[in-house]
Amino acid sequence: LTDSEQEVIHNIRSCYTGNNAGNG
């Protein structure tokens, strides 16, 4: 990690991961 943005997750369309720890 640096002070410049880096892409970490891609190809996200319409969705939801679920909420709270243990999801996503």
mmCIF file of all heavy atoms, coordinates in Angstrom:
data_MODEL
# 
_entry.id   MODEL 
# 
loop_
_atom_site.group_PDB 
_atom_site.id 
_atom_site.type_symbol 
_atom_site.label_atom_id 
_atom_site.label_alt_id 
_atom_site.label_comp_id 
_atom_site.label_asym_id 
_atom_site.label_entity_id 
_atom_site.label_seq_id 
_atom_site.pdbx_PDB_ins_code 
_atom_site.Cartn_x 
_atom_site.Cartn_y 
_atom_site.Cartn_z 
_atom_site.occupancy 
_atom_site.B_iso_or_equiv 
_atom_site.pdbx_formal_charge 
_atom_site.auth_seq_id 
_atom_site.auth_comp_id 
_atom_site.auth_asym_id 
_atom_site.auth_atom_id 
_atom_site.pdbx_PDB_model_num 
ATOM 1   N N   . LEU A 1 1  ? 0.830   -1.204  0.000   1.00 0.00 ? 1  LEU A N   1 
ATOM 2   C CA  . LEU A 1 1  ? 0.000   0.000   0.000   1.00 0.00 ? 1  LEU A CA  1 
ATOM 3   C C   . LEU A 1 1  ? 0.864   1.253   0.000   1.00 0.00 ? 1  LEU A C   1 
ATOM 4   O O   . LEU A 1 1  ? 1.913   1.309   0.648   1.00 0.00 ? 1  LEU A O   1 
ATOM 5   C CB  . LEU A 1 1  ? -0.924  0.007   1.212   1.00 0.00 ? 1  LEU A CB  1 
ATOM 6   C CG  . LEU A 1 1  ? -2.017  -1.078  1.229   1.00 0.00 ? 1  LEU A CG  1 
ATOM 7   C CD1 . LEU A 1 1  ? -2.679  -1.139  2.597   1.00 0.00 ? 1  LEU A CD1 1 
ATOM 8   C CD2 . LEU A 1 1  ? -3.057  -0.812  0.140   1.00 0.00 ? 1  LEU A CD2 1 
ATOM 9   N N   . THR A 1 2  ? 0.395   2.269   -0.712  1.00 0.00 ? 2  THR A N   1 
ATOM 10  C CA  . THR A 1 2  ? 1.071   3.566   -0.761  1.00 0.00 ? 2  THR A CA  1 
ATOM 11  C C   . THR A 1 2  ? 0.019   4.657   -0.620  1.00 0.00 ? 2  THR A C   1 
ATOM 12  O O   . THR A 1 2  ? -1.175  4.383   -0.422  1.00 0.00 ? 2  THR A O   1 
ATOM 13  C CB  . THR A 1 2  ? 1.831   3.743   -2.100  1.00 0.00 ? 2  THR A CB  1 
ATOM 14  O OG1 . THR A 1 2  ? 0.871   3.878   -3.157  1.00 0.00 ? 2  THR A OG1 1 
ATOM 15  C CG2 . THR A 1 2  ? 2.747   2.554   -2.370  1.00 0.00 ? 2  THR A CG2 1 
ATOM 16  N N   . ASP A 1 3  ? 0.464   5.894   -0.788  1.00 0.00 ? 3  ASP A N   1 
ATOM 17  C CA  . ASP A 1 3  ? -0.486  7.008   -0.725  1.00 0.00 ? 3  ASP A CA  1 
ATOM 18  C C   . ASP A 1 3  ? -1.185  7.249   -2.053  1.00 0.00 ? 3  ASP A C   1 
ATOM 19  O O   . ASP A 1 3  ? -1.947  8.213   -2.199  1.00 0.00 ? 3  ASP A O   1 
ATOM 20  C CB  . ASP A 1 3  ? 0.197   8.281   -0.235  1.00 0.00 ? 3  ASP A CB  1 
ATOM 21  C CG  . ASP A 1 3  ? 1.357   8.714   -1.121  1.00 0.00 ? 3  ASP A CG  1 
ATOM 22  O OD1 . ASP A 1 3  ? 1.643   8.019   -2.132  1.00 0.00 ? 3  ASP A OD1 1 
ATOM 23  O OD2 . ASP A 1 3  ? 1.999   9.737   -0.809  1.00 0.00 ? 3  ASP A OD2 1 
ATOM 24  N N   . SER A 1 4  ? -0.946  6.387   -3.038  1.00 0.00 ? 4  SER A N   1 
ATOM 25  C CA  . SER A 1 4  ? -1.652  6.444   -4.321  1.00 0.00 ? 4  SER A CA  1 
ATOM 26  C C   . SER A 1 4  ? -2.684  5.323   -4.377  1.00 0.00 ? 4  SER A C   1 
ATOM 27  O O   . SER A 1 4  ? -2.423  4.204   -3.899  1.00 0.00 ? 4  SER A O   1 
ATOM 28  C CB  . SER A 1 4  ? -0.665  6.283   -5.488  1.00 0.00 ? 4  SER A CB  1 
ATOM 29  O OG  . SER A 1 4  ? 0.248   7.355   -5.513  1.00 0.00 ? 4  SER A OG  1 
ATOM 30  N N   . GLU A 1 5  ? -3.831  5.609   -4.964  1.00 0.00 ? 5  GLU A N   1 
ATOM 31  C CA  . GLU A 1 5  ? -4.880  4.598   -5.039  1.00 0.00 ? 5  GLU A CA  1 
ATOM 32  C C   . GLU A 1 5  ? -4.457  3.437   -5.927  1.00 0.00 ? 5  GLU A C   1 
ATOM 33  O O   . GLU A 1 5  ? -3.905  3.628   -7.020  1.00 0.00 ? 5  GLU A O   1 
ATOM 34  C CB  . GLU A 1 5  ? -6.176  5.216   -5.582  1.00 0.00 ? 5  GLU A CB  1 
ATOM 35  C CG  . GLU A 1 5  ? -6.863  6.143   -4.594  1.00 0.00 ? 5  GLU A CG  1 
ATOM 36  C CD  . GLU A 1 5  ? -8.231  6.596   -5.083  1.00 0.00 ? 5  GLU A CD  1 
ATOM 37  O OE1 . GLU A 1 5  ? -8.413  6.673   -6.320  1.00 0.00 ? 5  GLU A OE1 1 
ATOM 38  O OE2 . GLU A 1 5  ? -9.106  6.873   -4.241  1.00 0.00 ? 5  GLU A OE2 1 
ATOM 39  N N   . GLN A 1 6  ? -4.720  2.222   -5.446  1.00 0.00 ? 6  GLN A N   1 
ATOM 40  C CA  . GLN A 1 6  ? -4.476  1.013   -6.220  1.00 0.00 ? 6  GLN A CA  1 
ATOM 41  C C   . GLN A 1 6  ? -5.774  0.207   -6.277  1.00 0.00 ? 6  GLN A C   1 
ATOM 42  O O   . GLN A 1 6  ? -6.471  0.057   -5.262  1.00 0.00 ? 6  GLN A O   1 
ATOM 43  C CB  . GLN A 1 6  ? -3.382  0.161   -5.582  1.00 0.00 ? 6  GLN A CB  1 
ATOM 44  C CG  . GLN A 1 6  ? -2.041  0.838   -5.505  1.00 0.00 ? 6  GLN A CG  1 
ATOM 45  C CD  . GLN A 1 6  ? -1.003  -0.062  -4.862  1.00 0.00 ? 6  GLN A CD  1 
ATOM 46  O OE1 . GLN A 1 6  ? -0.594  -1.069  -5.428  1.00 0.00 ? 6  GLN A OE1 1 
ATOM 47  N NE2 . GLN A 1 6  ? -0.575  0.316   -3.667  1.00 0.00 ? 6  GLN A NE2 1 
ATOM 48  N N   . GLU A 1 7  ? -6.074  -0.320  -7.448  1.00 0.00 ? 7  GLU A N   1 
ATOM 49  C CA  . GLU A 1 7  ? -7.292  -1.114  -7.615  1.00 0.00 ? 7  GLU A CA  1 
ATOM 50  C C   . GLU A 1 7  ? -7.112  -2.462  -6.918  1.00 0.00 ? 7  GLU A C   1 
ATOM 51  O O   . GLU A 1 7  ? -6.151  -3.185  -7.185  1.00 0.00 ? 7  GLU A O   1 
ATOM 52  C CB  . GLU A 1 7  ? -7.578  -1.320  -9.093  1.00 0.00 ? 7  GLU A CB  1 
ATOM 53  C CG  . GLU A 1 7  ? -8.902  -2.011  -9.387  1.00 0.00 ? 7  GLU A CG  1 
ATOM 54  C CD  . GLU A 1 7  ? -9.145  -2.172  -10.876 1.00 0.00 ? 7  GLU A CD  1 
ATOM 55  O OE1 . GLU A 1 7  ? -8.451  -1.521  -11.680 1.00 0.00 ? 7  GLU A OE1 1 
ATOM 56  O OE2 . GLU A 1 7  ? -10.053 -2.962  -11.225 1.00 0.00 ? 7  GLU A OE2 1 
ATOM 57  N N   . VAL A 1 8  ? -8.021  -2.787  -6.027  1.00 0.00 ? 8  VAL A N   1 
ATOM 58  C CA  . VAL A 1 8  ? -7.908  -4.038  -5.272  1.00 0.00 ? 8  VAL A CA  1 
ATOM 59  C C   . VAL A 1 8  ? -9.040  -5.019  -5.573  1.00 0.00 ? 8  VAL A C   1 
ATOM 60  O O   . VAL A 1 8  ? -8.877  -6.229  -5.405  1.00 0.00 ? 8  VAL A O   1 
ATOM 61  C CB  . VAL A 1 8  ? -7.819  -3.769  -3.758  1.00 0.00 ? 8  VAL A CB  1 
ATOM 62  C CG1 . VAL A 1 8  ? -6.508  -3.080  -3.420  1.00 0.00 ? 8  VAL A CG1 1 
ATOM 63  C CG2 . VAL A 1 8  ? -9.010  -2.953  -3.249  1.00 0.00 ? 8  VAL A CG2 1 
ATOM 64  N N   . ILE A 1 9  ? -10.222 -4.521  -5.997  1.00 0.00 ? 9  ILE A N   1 
ATOM 65  C CA  . ILE A 1 9  ? -11.347 -5.391  -6.375  1.00 0.00 ? 9  ILE A CA  1 
ATOM 66  C C   . ILE A 1 9  ? -11.954 -4.839  -7.657  1.00 0.00 ? 9  ILE A C   1 
ATOM 67  O O   . ILE A 1 9  ? -12.161 -3.629  -7.784  1.00 0.00 ? 9  ILE A O   1 
ATOM 68  C CB  . ILE A 1 9  ? -12.413 -5.464  -5.268  1.00 0.00 ? 9  ILE A CB  1 
ATOM 69  C CG1 . ILE A 1 9  ? -11.816 -6.030  -3.983  1.00 0.00 ? 9  ILE A CG1 1 
ATOM 70  C CG2 . ILE A 1 9  ? -13.601 -6.340  -5.709  1.00 0.00 ? 9  ILE A CG2 1 
ATOM 71  C CD1 . ILE A 1 9  ? -12.765 -6.044  -2.803  1.00 0.00 ? 9  ILE A CD1 1 
ATOM 72  N N   . HIS A 1 10 ? -12.221 -5.713  -8.617  1.00 0.00 ? 10 HIS A N   1 
ATOM 73  C CA  . HIS A 1 10 ? -12.782 -5.260  -9.887  1.00 0.00 ? 10 HIS A CA  1 
ATOM 74  C C   . HIS A 1 10 ? -13.970 -6.143  -10.285 1.00 0.00 ? 10 HIS A C   1 
ATOM 75  O O   . HIS A 1 10 ? -14.326 -7.089  -9.597  1.00 0.00 ? 10 HIS A O   1 
ATOM 76  C CB  . HIS A 1 10 ? -11.707 -5.251  -10.978 1.00 0.00 ? 10 HIS A CB  1 
ATOM 77  C CG  . HIS A 1 10 ? -11.176 -6.616  -11.328 1.00 0.00 ? 10 HIS A CG  1 
ATOM 78  N ND1 . HIS A 1 10 ? -10.530 -6.893  -12.503 1.00 0.00 ? 10 HIS A ND1 1 
ATOM 79  C CD2 . HIS A 1 10 ? -11.203 -7.798  -10.645 1.00 0.00 ? 10 HIS A CD2 1 
ATOM 80  C CE1 . HIS A 1 10 ? -10.158 -8.156  -12.548 1.00 0.00 ? 10 HIS A CE1 1 
ATOM 81  N NE2 . HIS A 1 10 ? -10.556 -8.732  -11.434 1.00 0.00 ? 10 HIS A NE2 1 
ATOM 82  N N   . ASN A 1 11 ? -14.582 -5.783  -11.422 1.00 0.00 ? 11 ASN A N   1 
ATOM 83  C CA  . ASN A 1 11 ? -15.717 -6.531  -11.985 1.00 0.00 ? 11 ASN A CA  1 
ATOM 84  C C   . ASN A 1 11 ? -16.913 -6.619  -11.037 1.00 0.00 ? 11 ASN A C   1 
ATOM 85  O O   . ASN A 1 11 ? -17.593 -7.652  -10.956 1.00 0.00 ? 11 ASN A O   1 
ATOM 86  C CB  . ASN A 1 11 ? -15.288 -7.935  -12.400 1.00 0.00 ? 11 ASN A CB  1 
ATOM 87  C CG  . ASN A 1 11 ? -14.381 -7.927  -13.616 1.00 0.00 ? 11 ASN A CG  1 
ATOM 88  O OD1 . ASN A 1 11 ? -14.420 -6.996  -14.417 1.00 0.00 ? 11 ASN A OD1 1 
ATOM 89  N ND2 . ASN A 1 11 ? -13.554 -8.946  -13.751 1.00 0.00 ? 11 ASN A ND2 1 
ATOM 90  N N   . ILE A 1 12 ? -17.178 -5.537  -10.329 1.00 0.00 ? 12 ILE A N   1 
ATOM 91  C CA  . ILE A 1 12 ? -18.355 -5.491  -9.451  1.00 0.00 ? 12 ILE A CA  1 
ATOM 92  C C   . ILE A 1 12 ? -19.542 -4.998  -10.265 1.00 0.00 ? 12 ILE A C   1 
ATOM 93  O O   . ILE A 1 12 ? -19.508 -3.907  -10.835 1.00 0.00 ? 12 ILE A O   1 
ATOM 94  C CB  . ILE A 1 12 ? -18.127 -4.551  -8.260  1.00 0.00 ? 12 ILE A CB  1 
ATOM 95  C CG1 . ILE A 1 12 ? -16.900 -4.984  -7.454  1.00 0.00 ? 12 ILE A CG1 1 
ATOM 96  C CG2 . ILE A 1 12 ? -19.365 -4.507  -7.371  1.00 0.00 ? 12 ILE A CG2 1 
ATOM 97  C CD1 . ILE A 1 12 ? -16.483 -3.963  -6.410  1.00 0.00 ? 12 ILE A CD1 1 
ATOM 98  N N   . ARG A 1 13 ? -20.565 -5.794  -10.331 1.00 0.00 ? 13 ARG A N   1 
ATOM 99  C CA  . ARG A 1 13 ? -21.791 -5.371  -11.001 1.00 0.00 ? 13 ARG A CA  1 
ATOM 100 C C   . ARG A 1 13 ? -22.876 -5.145  -9.944  1.00 0.00 ? 13 ARG A C   1 
ATOM 101 O O   . ARG A 1 13 ? -22.575 -4.757  -8.826  1.00 0.00 ? 13 ARG A O   1 
ATOM 102 C CB  . ARG A 1 13 ? -22.193 -6.407  -12.057 1.00 0.00 ? 13 ARG A CB  1 
ATOM 103 C CG  . ARG A 1 13 ? -21.174 -6.505  -13.206 1.00 0.00 ? 13 ARG A CG  1 
ATOM 104 C CD  . ARG A 1 13 ? -21.622 -7.478  -14.269 1.00 0.00 ? 13 ARG A CD  1 
ATOM 105 N NE  . ARG A 1 13 ? -20.654 -7.586  -15.360 1.00 0.00 ? 13 ARG A NE  1 
ATOM 106 C CZ  . ARG A 1 13 ? -20.617 -6.818  -16.424 1.00 0.00 ? 13 ARG A CZ  1 
ATOM 107 N NH1 . ARG A 1 13 ? -21.503 -5.848  -16.567 1.00 0.00 ? 13 ARG A NH1 1 
ATOM 108 N NH2 . ARG A 1 13 ? -19.709 -6.989  -17.369 1.00 0.00 ? 13 ARG A NH2 1 
ATOM 109 N N   . SER A 1 14 ? -24.129 -5.376  -10.286 1.00 0.00 ? 14 SER A N   1 
ATOM 110 C CA  . SER A 1 14 ? -25.198 -5.179  -9.301  1.00 0.00 ? 14 SER A CA  1 
ATOM 111 C C   . SER A 1 14 ? -25.191 -6.354  -8.327  1.00 0.00 ? 14 SER A C   1 
ATOM 112 O O   . SER A 1 14 ? -25.376 -7.503  -8.731  1.00 0.00 ? 14 SER A O   1 
ATOM 113 C CB  . SER A 1 14 ? -26.546 -5.053  -10.004 1.00 0.00 ? 14 SER A CB  1 
ATOM 114 O OG  . SER A 1 14 ? -26.590 -3.880  -10.785 1.00 0.00 ? 14 SER A OG  1 
ATOM 115 N N   . CYS A 1 15 ? -24.973 -6.045  -7.065  1.00 0.00 ? 15 CYS A N   1 
ATOM 116 C CA  . CYS A 1 15 ? -24.806 -7.116  -6.070  1.00 0.00 ? 15 CYS A CA  1 
ATOM 117 C C   . CYS A 1 15 ? -24.809 -6.538  -4.662  1.00 0.00 ? 15 CYS A C   1 
ATOM 118 O O   . CYS A 1 15 ? -24.821 -5.324  -4.462  1.00 0.00 ? 15 CYS A O   1 
ATOM 119 C CB  . CYS A 1 15 ? -23.484 -7.849  -6.311  1.00 0.00 ? 15 CYS A CB  1 
ATOM 120 S SG  . CYS A 1 15 ? -22.037 -6.781  -6.027  1.00 0.00 ? 15 CYS A SG  1 
ATOM 121 N N   . TYR A 1 16 ? -24.767 -7.437  -3.692  1.00 0.00 ? 16 TYR A N   1 
ATOM 122 C CA  . TYR A 1 16 ? -24.425 -7.072  -2.322  1.00 0.00 ? 16 TYR A CA  1 
ATOM 123 C C   . TYR A 1 16 ? -23.726 -8.263  -1.684  1.00 0.00 ? 16 TYR A C   1 
ATOM 124 O O   . TYR A 1 16 ? -24.011 -9.422  -1.998  1.00 0.00 ? 16 TYR A O   1 
ATOM 125 C CB  . TYR A 1 16 ? -25.654 -6.641  -1.507  1.00 0.00 ? 16 TYR A CB  1 
ATOM 126 C CG  . TYR A 1 16 ? -26.729 -7.693  -1.356  1.00 0.00 ? 16 TYR A CG  1 
ATOM 127 C CD1 . TYR A 1 16 ? -26.738 -8.547  -0.254  1.00 0.00 ? 16 TYR A CD1 1 
ATOM 128 C CD2 . TYR A 1 16 ? -27.738 -7.831  -2.309  1.00 0.00 ? 16 TYR A CD2 1 
ATOM 129 C CE1 . TYR A 1 16 ? -27.735 -9.507  -0.103  1.00 0.00 ? 16 TYR A CE1 1 
ATOM 130 C CE2 . TYR A 1 16 ? -28.731 -8.783  -2.171  1.00 0.00 ? 16 TYR A CE2 1 
ATOM 131 C CZ  . TYR A 1 16 ? -28.717 -9.614  -1.057  1.00 0.00 ? 16 TYR A CZ  1 
ATOM 132 O OH  . TYR A 1 16 ? -29.702 -10.574 -0.925  1.00 0.00 ? 16 TYR A OH  1 
ATOM 133 N N   . THR A 1 17 ? -22.769 -7.995  -0.811  1.00 0.00 ? 17 THR A N   1 
ATOM 134 C CA  . THR A 1 17 ? -21.932 -9.061  -0.250  1.00 0.00 ? 17 THR A CA  1 
ATOM 135 C C   . THR A 1 17 ? -22.501 -9.688  1.008   1.00 0.00 ? 17 THR A C   1 
ATOM 136 O O   . THR A 1 17 ? -22.048 -10.762 1.426   1.00 0.00 ? 17 THR A O   1 
ATOM 137 C CB  . THR A 1 17 ? -20.540 -8.513  0.094   1.00 0.00 ? 17 THR A CB  1 
ATOM 138 O OG1 . THR A 1 17 ? -20.699 -7.447  1.056   1.00 0.00 ? 17 THR A OG1 1 
ATOM 139 C CG2 . THR A 1 17 ? -19.829 -7.994  -1.133  1.00 0.00 ? 17 THR A CG2 1 
ATOM 140 N N   . GLY A 1 18 ? -23.475 -9.052  1.606   1.00 0.00 ? 18 GLY A N   1 
ATOM 141 C CA  . GLY A 1 18 ? -23.841 -9.401  2.978   1.00 0.00 ? 18 GLY A CA  1 
ATOM 142 C C   . GLY A 1 18 ? -23.117 -8.448  3.914   1.00 0.00 ? 18 GLY A C   1 
ATOM 143 O O   . GLY A 1 18 ? -22.073 -7.874  3.563   1.00 0.00 ? 18 GLY A O   1 
ATOM 144 N N   . ASN A 1 19 ? -23.672 -8.256  5.077   1.00 0.00 ? 19 ASN A N   1 
ATOM 145 C CA  . ASN A 1 19 ? -23.152 -7.257  6.014   1.00 0.00 ? 19 ASN A CA  1 
ATOM 146 C C   . ASN A 1 19 ? -22.430 -7.921  7.179   1.00 0.00 ? 19 ASN A C   1 
ATOM 147 O O   . ASN A 1 19 ? -22.707 -9.056  7.535   1.00 0.00 ? 19 ASN A O   1 
ATOM 148 C CB  . ASN A 1 19 ? -24.317 -6.401  6.537   1.00 0.00 ? 19 ASN A CB  1 
ATOM 149 C CG  . ASN A 1 19 ? -23.839 -5.182  7.300   1.00 0.00 ? 19 ASN A CG  1 
ATOM 150 O OD1 . ASN A 1 19 ? -22.769 -4.644  7.025   1.00 0.00 ? 19 ASN A OD1 1 
ATOM 151 N ND2 . ASN A 1 19 ? -24.618 -4.734  8.267   1.00 0.00 ? 19 ASN A ND2 1 
ATOM 152 N N   . ASN A 1 20 ? -21.462 -7.182  7.747   1.00 0.00 ? 20 ASN A N   1 
ATOM 153 C CA  . ASN A 1 20 ? -20.722 -7.573  8.945   1.00 0.00 ? 20 ASN A CA  1 
ATOM 154 C C   . ASN A 1 20 ? -19.578 -8.537  8.642   1.00 0.00 ? 20 ASN A C   1 
ATOM 155 O O   . ASN A 1 20 ? -19.415 -9.010  7.516   1.00 0.00 ? 20 ASN A O   1 
ATOM 156 C CB  . ASN A 1 20 ? -21.652 -8.165  10.012  1.00 0.00 ? 20 ASN A CB  1 
ATOM 157 C CG  . ASN A 1 20 ? -22.661 -7.149  10.519  1.00 0.00 ? 20 ASN A CG  1 
ATOM 158 O OD1 . ASN A 1 20 ? -22.345 -5.974  10.697  1.00 0.00 ? 20 ASN A OD1 1 
ATOM 159 N ND2 . ASN A 1 20 ? -23.898 -7.584  10.732  1.00 0.00 ? 20 ASN A ND2 1 
ATOM 160 N N   . ALA A 1 21 ? -18.798 -8.829  9.671   1.00 0.00 ? 21 ALA A N   1 
ATOM 161 C CA  . ALA A 1 21 ? -17.651 -9.735  9.549   1.00 0.00 ? 21 ALA A CA  1 
ATOM 162 C C   . ALA A 1 21 ? -18.118 -11.103 9.078   1.00 0.00 ? 21 ALA A C   1 
ATOM 163 O O   . ALA A 1 21 ? -19.208 -11.562 9.425   1.00 0.00 ? 21 ALA A O   1 
ATOM 164 C CB  . ALA A 1 21 ? -16.945 -9.851  10.890  1.00 0.00 ? 21 ALA A CB  1 
ATOM 165 N N   . GLY A 1 22 ? -17.285 -11.742 8.259   1.00 0.00 ? 22 GLY A N   1 
ATOM 166 C CA  . GLY A 1 22 ? -17.645 -13.038 7.706   1.00 0.00 ? 22 GLY A CA  1 
ATOM 167 C C   . GLY A 1 22 ? -18.332 -12.947 6.371   1.00 0.00 ? 22 GLY A C   1 
ATOM 168 O O   . GLY A 1 22 ? -18.663 -13.969 5.771   1.00 0.00 ? 22 GLY A O   1 
ATOM 169 N N   . ASN A 1 23 ? -18.556 -11.727 5.882   1.00 0.00 ? 23 ASN A N   1 
ATOM 170 C CA  . ASN A 1 23 ? -19.176 -11.501 4.572   1.00 0.00 ? 23 ASN A CA  1 
ATOM 171 C C   . ASN A 1 23 ? -18.246 -10.643 3.711   1.00 0.00 ? 23 ASN A C   1 
ATOM 172 O O   . ASN A 1 23 ? -17.482 -9.821  4.211   1.00 0.00 ? 23 ASN A O   1 
ATOM 173 C CB  . ASN A 1 23 ? -20.526 -10.810 4.722   1.00 0.00 ? 23 ASN A CB  1 
ATOM 174 C CG  . ASN A 1 23 ? -21.555 -11.691 5.377   1.00 0.00 ? 23 ASN A CG  1 
ATOM 175 O OD1 . ASN A 1 23 ? -21.956 -12.711 4.825   1.00 0.00 ? 23 ASN A OD1 1 
ATOM 176 N ND2 . ASN A 1 23 ? -21.982 -11.316 6.578   1.00 0.00 ? 23 ASN A ND2 1 
ATOM 177 N N   . GLY A 1 24 ? -18.358 -10.846 2.410   1.00 0.00 ? 24 GLY A N   1 
ATOM 178 C CA  . GLY A 1 24 ? -17.536 -10.061 1.504   1.00 0.00 ? 24 GLY A CA  1 
ATOM 179 C C   . GLY A 1 24 ? -16.144 -10.647 1.358   1.00 0.00 ? 24 GLY A C   1 
ATOM 180 O O   . GLY A 1 24 ? -15.963 -11.861 1.224   1.00 0.00 ? 24 GLY A O   1 
# 
